């Protein structure tokens, strides 16, 4: 295939691909047209009961472009015993009421609460209900580009007769002068690795790596560790990919990350690997997958098991 045809195919696939809130937190606002707004609330849950681990993520995006309003769900669910489960409601849905600051209900999901009081996300269609406690803030930034807040806390996921106890990581983003639901941007695709982990059943670890230009609300390496009731904001600059596998194109997926973390002056080591993956999008020189990640965090001779999602956009 000629270079020109490859370029055209790449741009076509790029325009149809979904992108997470963290990636878009780092777009360039220069020259943005007026009348654009973008909001996102991303929830990543991981927990365990007597039947095994369960992981559930829902990204709730909404935007305004002039007089038009949009809303979208991105959904992924994994049961350790049964594998990946397809949920109803994935994709765009109507937002005729123009709800932006809150999360508009869809035909398949209803929302109540706030970060300050806790959220309830209920889907009768999919037979699940996520109930969180008040979300503790871990990272909070405000700048000319918008607002970026990471938080986490205890949560339960009700699945029929099952009640799975765990933790939820919540990622909130507001952007002015931008709306990825109506205006795609190829600069969003910059080797993004977003890792959302449950730590030993009672804490959380989040980090991301990406390429691009940092802004007042974003960092190329960023993250936090909430452990034993204490929060530490960490850059994770010394945690890097240590293993890869070939993708369905001219690219490779990271499969392992290893490195050093410094927590209140104490050195620790982090080692995680992907165990099961679900392809979301593929486009010649890149793609988008969600993977289950497992690993170990070692600090002061103690080992903390890790479990959760990796969101990979290459």
C-alpha atoms as a PDB file:
ATOM      1  CA  UNK A   1       0.000   0.000   0.000  1.00  0.00           C
ATOM      2  CA  UNK A   2       1.361   3.451  -0.908  1.00  0.00           C
ATOM      3  CA  UNK A   3       2.382   5.929   1.762  1.00  0.00           C
ATOM      4  CA  UNK A   4      -0.481   8.234   0.745  1.00  0.00           C
ATOM      5  CA  UNK A   5      -3.087   5.469   1.096  1.00  0.00           C
ATOM      6  CA  UNK A   6      -1.678   4.509   4.496  1.00  0.00           C
ATOM      7  CA  UNK A   7      -1.964   8.123   5.618  1.00  0.00           C
ATOM      8  CA  UNK A   8      -5.595   8.367   4.443  1.00  0.00           C
ATOM      9  CA  UNK A   9      -6.498   5.100   6.183  1.00  0.00           C
ATOM     10  CA  UNK A  10      -4.795   6.235   9.360  1.00  0.00           C
ATOM     11  CA  UNK A  11      -6.679   9.530   9.426  1.00  0.00           C
ATOM     12  CA  UNK A  12      -9.988   7.733   8.838  1.00  0.00           C
ATOM     13  CA  UNK A  13      -9.401   5.333  11.726  1.00  0.00           C
ATOM     14  CA  UNK A  14      -8.154   8.148  13.914  1.00  0.00           C
ATOM     15  CA  UNK A  15     -11.368  10.075  13.427  1.00  0.00           C
ATOM     16  CA  UNK A  16     -13.450   7.122  14.630  1.00  0.00           C
ATOM     17  CA  UNK A  17     -11.396   6.206  17.689  1.00  0.00           C
ATOM     18  CA  UNK A  18     -12.405   6.931  21.284  1.00  0.00           C
ATOM     19  CA  UNK A  19      -9.929   8.606  23.647  1.00  0.00           C
ATOM     20  CA  UNK A  20      -9.900   8.720  27.435  1.00  0.00           C
ATOM     21  CA  UNK A  21     -10.201  11.872  29.528  1.00  0.00           C
ATOM     22  CA  UNK A  22      -6.580  11.841  30.706  1.00  0.00           C
ATOM     23  CA  UNK A  23      -5.204  11.898  27.175  1.00  0.00           C
ATOM     24  CA  UNK A  24      -7.412  14.797  26.200  1.00  0.00           C
ATOM     25  CA  UNK A  25      -6.403  16.767  29.259  1.00  0.00           C
ATOM     26  CA  UNK A  26      -3.241  17.652  27.384  1.00  0.00           C
ATOM     27  CA  UNK A  27      -4.531  19.013  24.083  1.00  0.00           C
ATOM     28  CA  UNK A  28      -3.414  22.418  22.806  1.00  0.00           C
ATOM     29  CA  UNK A  29      -6.163  25.040  23.186  1.00  0.00           C
ATOM     30  CA  UNK A  30      -4.630  27.623  20.859  1.00  0.00           C
ATOM     31  CA  UNK A  31      -7.040  28.709  18.126  1.00  0.00           C
ATOM     32  CA  UNK A  32      -9.973  26.754  19.566  1.00  0.00           C
ATOM     33  CA  UNK A  33     -13.356  27.931  18.277  1.00  0.00           C
ATOM     34  CA  UNK A  34     -15.866  29.509  20.703  1.00  0.00           C
ATOM     35  CA  UNK A  35     -18.851  27.657  22.135  1.00  0.00           C
ATOM     36  CA  UNK A  36     -16.971  24.457  22.992  1.00  0.00           C
ATOM     37  CA  UNK A  37     -16.982  22.649  26.340  1.00  0.00           C
ATOM     38  CA  UNK A  38     -16.075  19.135  27.414  1.00  0.00           C
ATOM     39  CA  UNK A  39     -16.682  17.244  30.672  1.00  0.00           C
ATOM     40  CA  UNK A  40     -15.758  13.733  31.716  1.00  0.00           C
ATOM     41  CA  UNK A  41     -16.265  11.554  34.802  1.00  0.00           C
ATOM     42  CA  UNK A  42     -14.336   8.281  34.611  1.00  0.00           C
ATOM     43  CA  UNK A  43     -14.863   5.551  37.219  1.00  0.00           C
ATOM     44  CA  UNK A  44     -12.531   2.543  37.461  1.00  0.00           C
ATOM     45  CA  UNK A  45     -13.633  -0.065  40.022  1.00  0.00           C
ATOM     46  CA  UNK A  46     -11.728  -3.145  41.162  1.00  0.00           C
ATOM     47  CA  UNK A  47     -12.810  -5.515  43.920  1.00  0.00           C
ATOM     48  CA  UNK A  48     -13.022  -9.105  45.025  1.00  0.00           C
ATOM     49  CA  UNK A  49     -15.434 -11.553  46.649  1.00  0.00           C
ATOM     50  CA  UNK A  50     -15.347 -15.311  47.232  1.00  0.00           C
ATOM     51  CA  UNK A  51     -15.753 -15.893  43.470  1.00  0.00           C
ATOM     52  CA  UNK A  52     -12.761 -13.785  42.472  1.00  0.00           C
ATOM     53  CA  UNK A  53     -11.852 -10.342  41.173  1.00  0.00           C
ATOM     54  CA  UNK A  54     -14.236  -8.073  39.271  1.00  0.00           C
ATOM     55  CA  UNK A  55     -13.228  -4.907  37.384  1.00  0.00           C
ATOM     56  CA  UNK A  56     -15.649  -2.376  35.912  1.00  0.00           C
ATOM     57  CA  UNK A  57     -14.935   0.954  34.207  1.00  0.00           C
ATOM     58  CA  UNK A  58     -17.357   3.562  32.906  1.00  0.00           C
ATOM     59  CA  UNK A  59     -16.287   6.821  31.257  1.00  0.00           C
ATOM     60  CA  UNK A  60     -19.088   9.405  31.036  1.00  0.00           C
ATOM     61  CA  UNK A  61     -18.292  12.118  28.495  1.00  0.00           C
ATOM     62  CA  UNK A  62     -20.453  15.088  27.574  1.00  0.00           C
ATOM     63  CA  UNK A  63     -19.908  18.189  25.524  1.00  0.00           C
ATOM     64  CA  UNK A  64     -21.307  21.348  23.981  1.00  0.00           C
ATOM     65  CA  UNK A  65     -20.605  22.557  20.468  1.00  0.00           C
ATOM     66  CA  UNK A  66     -22.525  25.786  19.916  1.00  0.00           C
ATOM     67  CA  UNK A  67     -26.208  24.994  20.514  1.00  0.00           C
ATOM     68  CA  UNK A  68     -25.691  21.224  20.310  1.00  0.00           C
ATOM     69  CA  UNK A  69     -25.091  18.940  23.305  1.00  0.00           C
ATOM     70  CA  UNK A  70     -23.640  15.439  23.335  1.00  0.00           C
ATOM     71  CA  UNK A  71     -23.161  12.548  25.785  1.00  0.00           C
ATOM     72  CA  UNK A  72     -21.295   9.241  25.615  1.00  0.00           C
ATOM     73  CA  UNK A  73     -20.522   6.160  27.695  1.00  0.00           C
ATOM     74  CA  UNK A  74     -17.396   4.039  27.369  1.00  0.00           C
ATOM     75  CA  UNK A  75     -17.881   0.715  29.200  1.00  0.00           C
ATOM     76  CA  UNK A  76     -15.718  -2.283  30.057  1.00  0.00           C
ATOM     77  CA  UNK A  77     -16.328  -5.163  32.484  1.00  0.00           C
ATOM     78  CA  UNK A  78     -14.204  -8.158  33.454  1.00  0.00           C
ATOM     79  CA  UNK A  79     -14.975 -11.077  35.770  1.00  0.00           C
ATOM     80  CA  UNK A  80     -11.977 -13.177  36.806  1.00  0.00           C
ATOM     81  CA  UNK A  81     -13.957 -16.407  36.314  1.00  0.00           C
ATOM     82  CA  UNK A  82     -16.108 -15.554  33.290  1.00  0.00           C
ATOM     83  CA  UNK A  83     -13.822 -13.151  31.408  1.00  0.00           C
ATOM     84  CA  UNK A  84     -14.896 -10.063  29.471  1.00  0.00           C
ATOM     85  CA  UNK A  85     -18.598  -9.215  29.491  1.00  0.00           C
ATOM     86  CA  UNK A  86     -20.234  -6.935  26.938  1.00  0.00           C
ATOM     87  CA  UNK A  87     -22.400  -4.230  28.514  1.00  0.00           C
ATOM     88  CA  UNK A  88     -25.340  -2.460  26.909  1.00  0.00           C
ATOM     89  CA  UNK A  89     -25.148   1.317  26.530  1.00  0.00           C
ATOM     90  CA  UNK A  90     -21.674   1.756  25.078  1.00  0.00           C
ATOM     91  CA  UNK A  91     -21.385   4.807  22.784  1.00  0.00           C
ATOM     92  CA  UNK A  92     -23.181   8.079  22.149  1.00  0.00           C
ATOM     93  CA  UNK A  93     -26.636   8.856  23.543  1.00  0.00           C
ATOM     94  CA  UNK A  94     -28.946  11.877  23.590  1.00  0.00           C
ATOM     95  CA  UNK A  95     -28.347  14.922  25.799  1.00  0.00           C
ATOM     96  CA  UNK A  96     -31.293  17.089  24.776  1.00  0.00           C
ATOM     97  CA  UNK A  97     -31.472  18.720  28.220  1.00  0.00           C
ATOM     98  CA  UNK A  98     -27.929  20.048  27.803  1.00  0.00           C
ATOM     99  CA  UNK A  99     -26.602  18.553  31.045  1.00  0.00           C
ATOM    100  CA  UNK A 100     -22.870  19.125  31.387  1.00  0.00           C
ATOM    101  CA  UNK A 101     -21.779  19.584  34.994  1.00  0.00           C
ATOM    102  CA  UNK A 102     -23.693  16.526  36.158  1.00  0.00           C
ATOM    103  CA  UNK A 103     -23.865  13.183  34.350  1.00  0.00           C
ATOM    104  CA  UNK A 104     -27.024  12.851  32.223  1.00  0.00           C
ATOM    105  CA  UNK A 105     -28.989   9.614  32.532  1.00  0.00           C
ATOM    106  CA  UNK A 106     -29.037   7.338  29.504  1.00  0.00           C
ATOM    107  CA  UNK A 107     -31.423   4.545  28.488  1.00  0.00           C
ATOM    108  CA  UNK A 108     -29.118   2.081  30.263  1.00  0.00           C
ATOM    109  CA  UNK A 109     -27.584   3.999  33.212  1.00  0.00           C
ATOM    110  CA  UNK A 110     -28.879   6.309  35.944  1.00  0.00           C
ATOM    111  CA  UNK A 111     -26.646   8.551  38.073  1.00  0.00           C
ATOM    112  CA  UNK A 112     -27.036  10.240  41.453  1.00  0.00           C
ATOM    113  CA  UNK A 113     -24.734  11.924  43.953  1.00  0.00           C
ATOM    114  CA  UNK A 114     -21.512  13.900  43.733  1.00  0.00           C
ATOM    115  CA  UNK A 115     -17.857  13.338  44.517  1.00  0.00           C
ATOM    116  CA  UNK A 116     -18.345  15.120  47.851  1.00  0.00           C
ATOM    117  CA  UNK A 117     -21.170  12.816  48.982  1.00  0.00           C
ATOM    118  CA  UNK A 118     -20.532   9.688  46.937  1.00  0.00           C
ATOM    119  CA  UNK A 119     -21.982   8.393  43.666  1.00  0.00           C
ATOM    120  CA  UNK A 120     -24.535   5.749  42.773  1.00  0.00           C
ATOM    121  CA  UNK A 121     -24.471   4.389  39.224  1.00  0.00           C
ATOM    122  CA  UNK A 122     -27.349   2.018  38.482  1.00  0.00           C
ATOM    123  CA  UNK A 123     -27.983  -0.053  35.371  1.00  0.00           C
ATOM    124  CA  UNK A 124     -31.018  -2.295  35.513  1.00  0.00           C
ATOM    125  CA  UNK A 125     -30.327  -3.315  31.907  1.00  0.00           C
ATOM    126  CA  UNK A 126     -26.912  -4.719  32.829  1.00  0.00           C
ATOM    127  CA  UNK A 127     -27.830  -5.899  36.310  1.00  0.00           C
ATOM    128  CA  UNK A 128     -25.275  -3.825  38.185  1.00  0.00           C
ATOM    129  CA  UNK A 129     -25.063  -0.976  40.667  1.00  0.00           C
ATOM    130  CA  UNK A 130     -21.869   0.858  41.709  1.00  0.00           C
ATOM    131  CA  UNK A 131     -22.057   2.667  45.057  1.00  0.00           C
ATOM    132  CA  UNK A 132     -19.124   4.770  46.221  1.00  0.00           C
ATOM    133  CA  UNK A 133     -18.304   6.586  49.410  1.00  0.00           C
ATOM    134  CA  UNK A 134     -17.397  10.281  49.296  1.00  0.00           C
ATOM    135  CA  UNK A 135     -14.439  10.503  46.912  1.00  0.00           C
ATOM    136  CA  UNK A 136     -11.197  11.587  48.575  1.00  0.00           C
ATOM    137  CA  UNK A 137      -9.131  13.969  46.422  1.00  0.00           C
ATOM    138  CA  UNK A 138      -5.681  12.704  45.464  1.00  0.00           C
ATOM    139  CA  UNK A 139      -4.668  15.129  42.670  1.00  0.00           C
ATOM    140  CA  UNK A 140      -6.345  18.479  41.984  1.00  0.00           C
ATOM    141  CA  UNK A 141      -5.298  21.061  39.395  1.00  0.00           C
ATOM    142  CA  UNK A 142      -6.961  24.129  37.919  1.00  0.00           C
ATOM    143  CA  UNK A 143      -5.606  26.260  35.079  1.00  0.00           C
ATOM    144  CA  UNK A 144      -6.431  28.161  31.925  1.00  0.00           C
ATOM    145  CA  UNK A 145      -7.206  24.901  30.142  1.00  0.00           C
ATOM    146  CA  UNK A 146      -9.741  23.696  32.708  1.00  0.00           C
ATOM    147  CA  UNK A 147      -9.904  21.460  35.789  1.00  0.00           C
ATOM    148  CA  UNK A 148      -8.394  18.030  36.443  1.00  0.00           C
ATOM    149  CA  UNK A 149      -9.130  16.046  39.630  1.00  0.00           C
ATOM    150  CA  UNK A 150      -8.203  12.481  40.567  1.00  0.00           C
ATOM    151  CA  UNK A 151      -9.791  10.810  43.584  1.00  0.00           C
ATOM    152  CA  UNK A 152     -10.487   7.414  45.117  1.00  0.00           C
ATOM    153  CA  UNK A 153     -12.367   5.671  47.910  1.00  0.00           C
ATOM    154  CA  UNK A 154     -14.211   2.569  49.056  1.00  0.00           C
ATOM    155  CA  UNK A 155     -16.972   1.260  46.810  1.00  0.00           C
ATOM    156  CA  UNK A 156     -19.185  -1.767  46.292  1.00  0.00           C
ATOM    157  CA  UNK A 157     -20.435  -3.262  43.054  1.00  0.00           C
ATOM    158  CA  UNK A 158     -23.754  -5.082  43.251  1.00  0.00           C
ATOM    159  CA  UNK A 159     -24.165  -7.811  40.627  1.00  0.00           C
ATOM    160  CA  UNK A 160     -27.464  -9.586  41.190  1.00  0.00           C
ATOM    161  CA  UNK A 161     -26.880 -11.706  44.312  1.00  0.00           C
ATOM    162  CA  UNK A 162     -23.195 -10.751  44.471  1.00  0.00           C
ATOM    163  CA  UNK A 163     -21.875  -7.793  46.471  1.00  0.00           C
ATOM    164  CA  UNK A 164     -18.260  -7.132  45.524  1.00  0.00           C
ATOM    165  CA  UNK A 165     -16.322  -4.877  47.903  1.00  0.00           C
ATOM    166  CA  UNK A 166     -13.456  -2.860  46.507  1.00  0.00           C
ATOM    167  CA  UNK A 167     -12.231   0.587  45.592  1.00  0.00           C
ATOM    168  CA  UNK A 168     -13.001   3.093  42.862  1.00  0.00           C
ATOM    169  CA  UNK A 169     -10.659   5.586  41.199  1.00  0.00           C
ATOM    170  CA  UNK A 170     -12.536   8.645  39.896  1.00  0.00           C
ATOM    171  CA  UNK A 171     -11.099  10.956  37.250  1.00  0.00           C
ATOM    172  CA  UNK A 172     -12.825  14.285  36.574  1.00  0.00           C
ATOM    173  CA  UNK A 173     -11.983  16.575  33.682  1.00  0.00           C
ATOM    174  CA  UNK A 174     -13.407  19.888  32.495  1.00  0.00           C
ATOM    175  CA  UNK A 175     -12.052  21.534  29.338  1.00  0.00           C
ATOM    176  CA  UNK A 176     -13.071  24.868  27.833  1.00  0.00           C
ATOM    177  CA  UNK A 177     -12.623  25.560  24.132  1.00  0.00           C
ATOM    178  CA  UNK A 178     -12.540  21.856  23.342  1.00  0.00           C
ATOM    179  CA  UNK A 179     -14.975  19.016  22.575  1.00  0.00           C
ATOM    180  CA  UNK A 180     -13.594  15.688  21.383  1.00  0.00           C
ATOM    181  CA  UNK A 181     -17.130  14.351  20.773  1.00  0.00           C
ATOM    182  CA  UNK A 182     -17.547  16.655  17.769  1.00  0.00           C
ATOM    183  CA  UNK A 183     -14.001  17.687  16.788  1.00  0.00           C
ATOM    184  CA  UNK A 184     -11.344  14.988  16.673  1.00  0.00           C
ATOM    185  CA  UNK A 185      -7.668  15.754  17.154  1.00  0.00           C
ATOM    186  CA  UNK A 186      -4.853  13.444  16.018  1.00  0.00           C
ATOM    187  CA  UNK A 187      -2.459  14.931  18.578  1.00  0.00           C
ATOM    188  CA  UNK A 188      -4.356  13.093  21.340  1.00  0.00           C
ATOM    189  CA  UNK A 189      -2.727   9.794  20.318  1.00  0.00           C
ATOM    190  CA  UNK A 190       0.660   9.954  21.987  1.00  0.00           C
ATOM    191  CA  UNK A 191       1.499   6.508  23.454  1.00  0.00           C
ATOM    192  CA  UNK A 192      -0.766   6.781  26.497  1.00  0.00           C
ATOM    193  CA  UNK A 193      -0.460   4.204  29.293  1.00  0.00           C
ATOM    194  CA  UNK A 194      -3.070   4.723  32.042  1.00  0.00           C
ATOM    195  CA  UNK A 195      -2.913   2.247  34.982  1.00  0.00           C
ATOM    196  CA  UNK A 196      -5.722   2.032  37.590  1.00  0.00           C
ATOM    197  CA  UNK A 197      -4.960  -0.413  40.418  1.00  0.00           C
ATOM    198  CA  UNK A 198      -6.464  -1.729  43.636  1.00  0.00           C
ATOM    199  CA  UNK A 199      -3.715  -2.062  46.277  1.00  0.00           C
ATOM    200  CA  UNK A 200      -4.091  -4.954  48.723  1.00  0.00           C
ATOM    201  CA  UNK A 201      -7.877  -4.479  48.848  1.00  0.00           C
ATOM    202  CA  UNK A 202      -7.710  -1.186  50.744  1.00  0.00           C
ATOM    203  CA  UNK A 203      -5.690   1.326  48.719  1.00  0.00           C
ATOM    204  CA  UNK A 204      -5.183   2.660  45.209  1.00  0.00           C
ATOM    205  CA  UNK A 205      -2.397   3.266  42.748  1.00  0.00           C
ATOM    206  CA  UNK A 206      -2.793   5.291  39.568  1.00  0.00           C
ATOM    207  CA  UNK A 207      -0.185   6.395  37.071  1.00  0.00           C
ATOM    208  CA  UNK A 208       0.065   7.367  33.447  1.00  0.00           C
ATOM    209  CA  UNK A 209       2.782   7.933  30.890  1.00  0.00           C
ATOM    210  CA  UNK A 210       2.269   9.748  27.607  1.00  0.00           C
ATOM    211  CA  UNK A 211       4.062  11.843  25.040  1.00  0.00           C
ATOM    212  CA  UNK A 212       3.050  15.398  24.272  1.00  0.00           C
ATOM    213  CA  UNK A 213       3.233  18.920  25.644  1.00  0.00           C
ATOM    214  CA  UNK A 214       2.287  19.314  29.342  1.00  0.00           C
ATOM    215  CA  UNK A 215      -0.218  21.986  30.352  1.00  0.00           C
ATOM    216  CA  UNK A 216      -1.161  23.691  33.617  1.00  0.00           C
ATOM    217  CA  UNK A 217      -3.472  20.786  34.505  1.00  0.00           C
ATOM    218  CA  UNK A 218      -1.560  17.855  33.034  1.00  0.00           C
ATOM    219  CA  UNK A 219       1.740  16.041  33.309  1.00  0.00           C
ATOM    220  CA  UNK A 220       3.360  13.553  30.938  1.00  0.00           C
ATOM    221  CA  UNK A 221       4.170  11.309  33.923  1.00  0.00           C
ATOM    222  CA  UNK A 222       1.674  11.551  36.746  1.00  0.00           C
ATOM    223  CA  UNK A 223      -0.013   9.522  39.435  1.00  0.00           C
ATOM    224  CA  UNK A 224      -0.710   8.879  43.087  1.00  0.00           C
ATOM    225  CA  UNK A 225      -0.521   6.154  45.700  1.00  0.00           C
ATOM    226  CA  UNK A 226      -3.101   5.967  48.486  1.00  0.00           C
ATOM    227  CA  UNK A 227      -1.873   3.434  51.023  1.00  0.00           C
ATOM    228  CA  UNK A 228      -2.459   2.934  54.771  1.00  0.00           C
ATOM    229  CA  UNK A 229      -4.580   6.093  54.856  1.00  0.00           C
ATOM    230  CA  UNK A 230      -1.885   8.353  53.390  1.00  0.00           C
ATOM    231  CA  UNK A 231      -1.840   9.924  49.921  1.00  0.00           C
ATOM    232  CA  UNK A 232       1.356  10.514  47.954  1.00  0.00           C
ATOM    233  CA  UNK A 233       1.437  12.258  44.569  1.00  0.00           C
ATOM    234  CA  UNK A 234       4.150  10.623  42.468  1.00  0.00           C
ATOM    235  CA  UNK A 235       5.530  11.306  38.967  1.00  0.00           C
ATOM    236  CA  UNK A 236       6.366   7.611  38.262  1.00  0.00           C
ATOM    237  CA  UNK A 237       9.247   8.734  36.061  1.00  0.00           C
ATOM    238  CA  UNK A 238      11.276   5.647  36.976  1.00  0.00           C
ATOM    239  CA  UNK A 239       8.528   3.130  36.222  1.00  0.00           C
ATOM    240  CA  UNK A 240       8.860   2.139  32.569  1.00  0.00           C
ATOM    241  CA  UNK A 241       7.658  -0.602  30.186  1.00  0.00           C
ATOM    242  CA  UNK A 242       9.840  -3.714  30.324  1.00  0.00           C
ATOM    243  CA  UNK A 243       8.006  -6.009  27.929  1.00  0.00           C
ATOM    244  CA  UNK A 244       6.052  -5.781  24.669  1.00  0.00           C
ATOM    245  CA  UNK A 245       4.032  -7.858  22.205  1.00  0.00           C
ATOM    246  CA  UNK A 246       3.205  -7.146  18.580  1.00  0.00           C
ATOM    247  CA  UNK A 247      -0.109  -5.468  17.740  1.00  0.00           C
ATOM    248  CA  UNK A 248      -2.239  -5.912  14.624  1.00  0.00           C
ATOM    249  CA  UNK A 249      -0.208  -3.361  12.698  1.00  0.00           C
ATOM    250  CA  UNK A 250       3.040  -1.437  12.819  1.00  0.00           C
ATOM    251  CA  UNK A 251       3.210  -1.092  16.598  1.00  0.00           C
ATOM    252  CA  UNK A 252       3.737  -2.994  19.869  1.00  0.00           C
ATOM    253  CA  UNK A 253       1.647  -3.219  23.050  1.00  0.00           C
ATOM    254  CA  UNK A 254       3.395  -2.805  26.422  1.00  0.00           C
ATOM    255  CA  UNK A 255       2.849  -5.876  28.602  1.00  0.00           C
ATOM    256  CA  UNK A 256       4.981  -5.190  31.696  1.00  0.00           C
ATOM    257  CA  UNK A 257       6.079  -2.171  33.744  1.00  0.00           C
ATOM    258  CA  UNK A 258       8.823  -2.173  36.361  1.00  0.00           C
ATOM    259  CA  UNK A 259      10.680   0.439  38.305  1.00  0.00           C
ATOM    260  CA  UNK A 260      11.403   2.420  41.433  1.00  0.00           C
ATOM    261  CA  UNK A 261       8.995   4.535  43.487  1.00  0.00           C
ATOM    262  CA  UNK A 262       9.995   6.831  46.349  1.00  0.00           C
ATOM    263  CA  UNK A 263       7.333   7.189  49.063  1.00  0.00           C
ATOM    264  CA  UNK A 264       8.114   9.710  51.800  1.00  0.00           C
ATOM    265  CA  UNK A 265      11.797   9.080  51.224  1.00  0.00           C
ATOM    266  CA  UNK A 266      11.395   5.303  51.344  1.00  0.00           C
ATOM    267  CA  UNK A 267      12.358   3.365  48.210  1.00  0.00           C
ATOM    268  CA  UNK A 268       9.940   0.827  46.808  1.00  0.00           C
ATOM    269  CA  UNK A 269       9.655  -1.300  43.689  1.00  0.00           C
ATOM    270  CA  UNK A 270       6.725  -1.748  41.353  1.00  0.00           C
ATOM    271  CA  UNK A 271       6.265  -4.707  39.009  1.00  0.00           C
ATOM    272  CA  UNK A 272       3.039  -5.227  37.021  1.00  0.00           C
ATOM    273  CA  UNK A 273       1.989  -7.164  33.927  1.00  0.00           C
ATOM    274  CA  UNK A 274      -1.047  -7.473  31.690  1.00  0.00           C
ATOM    275  CA  UNK A 275      -2.830 -10.819  31.918  1.00  0.00           C
ATOM    276  CA  UNK A 276      -5.939 -10.455  29.696  1.00  0.00           C
ATOM    277  CA  UNK A 277      -6.693  -7.829  27.049  1.00  0.00           C
ATOM    278  CA  UNK A 278      -9.723  -6.569  25.134  1.00  0.00           C
ATOM    279  CA  UNK A 279      -9.161  -4.766  21.823  1.00  0.00           C
ATOM    280  CA  UNK A 280     -11.255  -1.601  21.446  1.00  0.00           C
ATOM    281  CA  UNK A 281      -9.828  -0.034  18.248  1.00  0.00           C
ATOM    282  CA  UNK A 282      -7.083  -0.774  15.721  1.00  0.00           C
ATOM    283  CA  UNK A 283      -5.642   1.589  13.101  1.00  0.00           C
ATOM    284  CA  UNK A 284      -2.551   0.470  11.114  1.00  0.00           C
ATOM    285  CA  UNK A 285       0.130   2.203  13.224  1.00  0.00           C
ATOM    286  CA  UNK A 286      -1.656   2.095  16.559  1.00  0.00           C
ATOM    287  CA  UNK A 287      -4.607   0.925  18.582  1.00  0.00           C
ATOM    288  CA  UNK A 288      -6.611   1.069  21.816  1.00  0.00           C
ATOM    289  CA  UNK A 289      -6.930  -1.825  24.294  1.00  0.00           C
ATOM    290  CA  UNK A 290      -8.128  -2.339  27.852  1.00  0.00           C
ATOM    291  CA  UNK A 291      -6.147  -4.907  29.818  1.00  0.00           C
ATOM    292  CA  UNK A 292      -6.357  -6.553  33.206  1.00  0.00           C
ATOM    293  CA  UNK A 293      -3.168  -5.828  35.146  1.00  0.00           C
ATOM    294  CA  UNK A 294      -1.722  -7.707  38.120  1.00  0.00           C
ATOM    295  CA  UNK A 295       1.441  -7.174  40.098  1.00  0.00           C
ATOM    296  CA  UNK A 296       3.284  -6.404  43.323  1.00  0.00           C
ATOM    297  CA  UNK A 297       4.306  -3.203  45.111  1.00  0.00           C
ATOM    298  CA  UNK A 298       7.171  -3.726  47.598  1.00  0.00           C
ATOM    299  CA  UNK A 299       7.882  -1.178  50.346  1.00  0.00           C
ATOM    300  CA  UNK A 300       9.967  -1.718  53.486  1.00  0.00           C
ATOM    301  CA  UNK A 301      10.052  -5.447  52.862  1.00  0.00           C
ATOM    302  CA  UNK A 302       6.253  -5.731  52.657  1.00  0.00           C
ATOM    303  CA  UNK A 303       4.483  -6.854  49.479  1.00  0.00           C
ATOM    304  CA  UNK A 304       1.164  -5.378  48.374  1.00  0.00           C
ATOM    305  CA  UNK A 305      -0.785  -7.228  45.646  1.00  0.00           C
ATOM    306  CA  UNK A 306      -2.133  -5.102  42.789  1.00  0.00           C
ATOM    307  CA  UNK A 307      -5.106  -5.641  40.465  1.00  0.00           C
ATOM    308  CA  UNK A 308      -6.981  -3.440  38.009  1.00  0.00           C
ATOM    309  CA  UNK A 309      -7.116  -1.966  34.508  1.00  0.00           C
ATOM    310  CA  UNK A 310      -4.561  -0.689  32.032  1.00  0.00           C
ATOM    311  CA  UNK A 311      -5.880   1.673  29.372  1.00  0.00           C
ATOM    312  CA  UNK A 312      -3.441   1.679  26.459  1.00  0.00           C
ATOM    313  CA  UNK A 313      -3.599   3.963  23.423  1.00  0.00           C
ATOM    314  CA  UNK A 314      -0.635   3.498  21.086  1.00  0.00           C
END
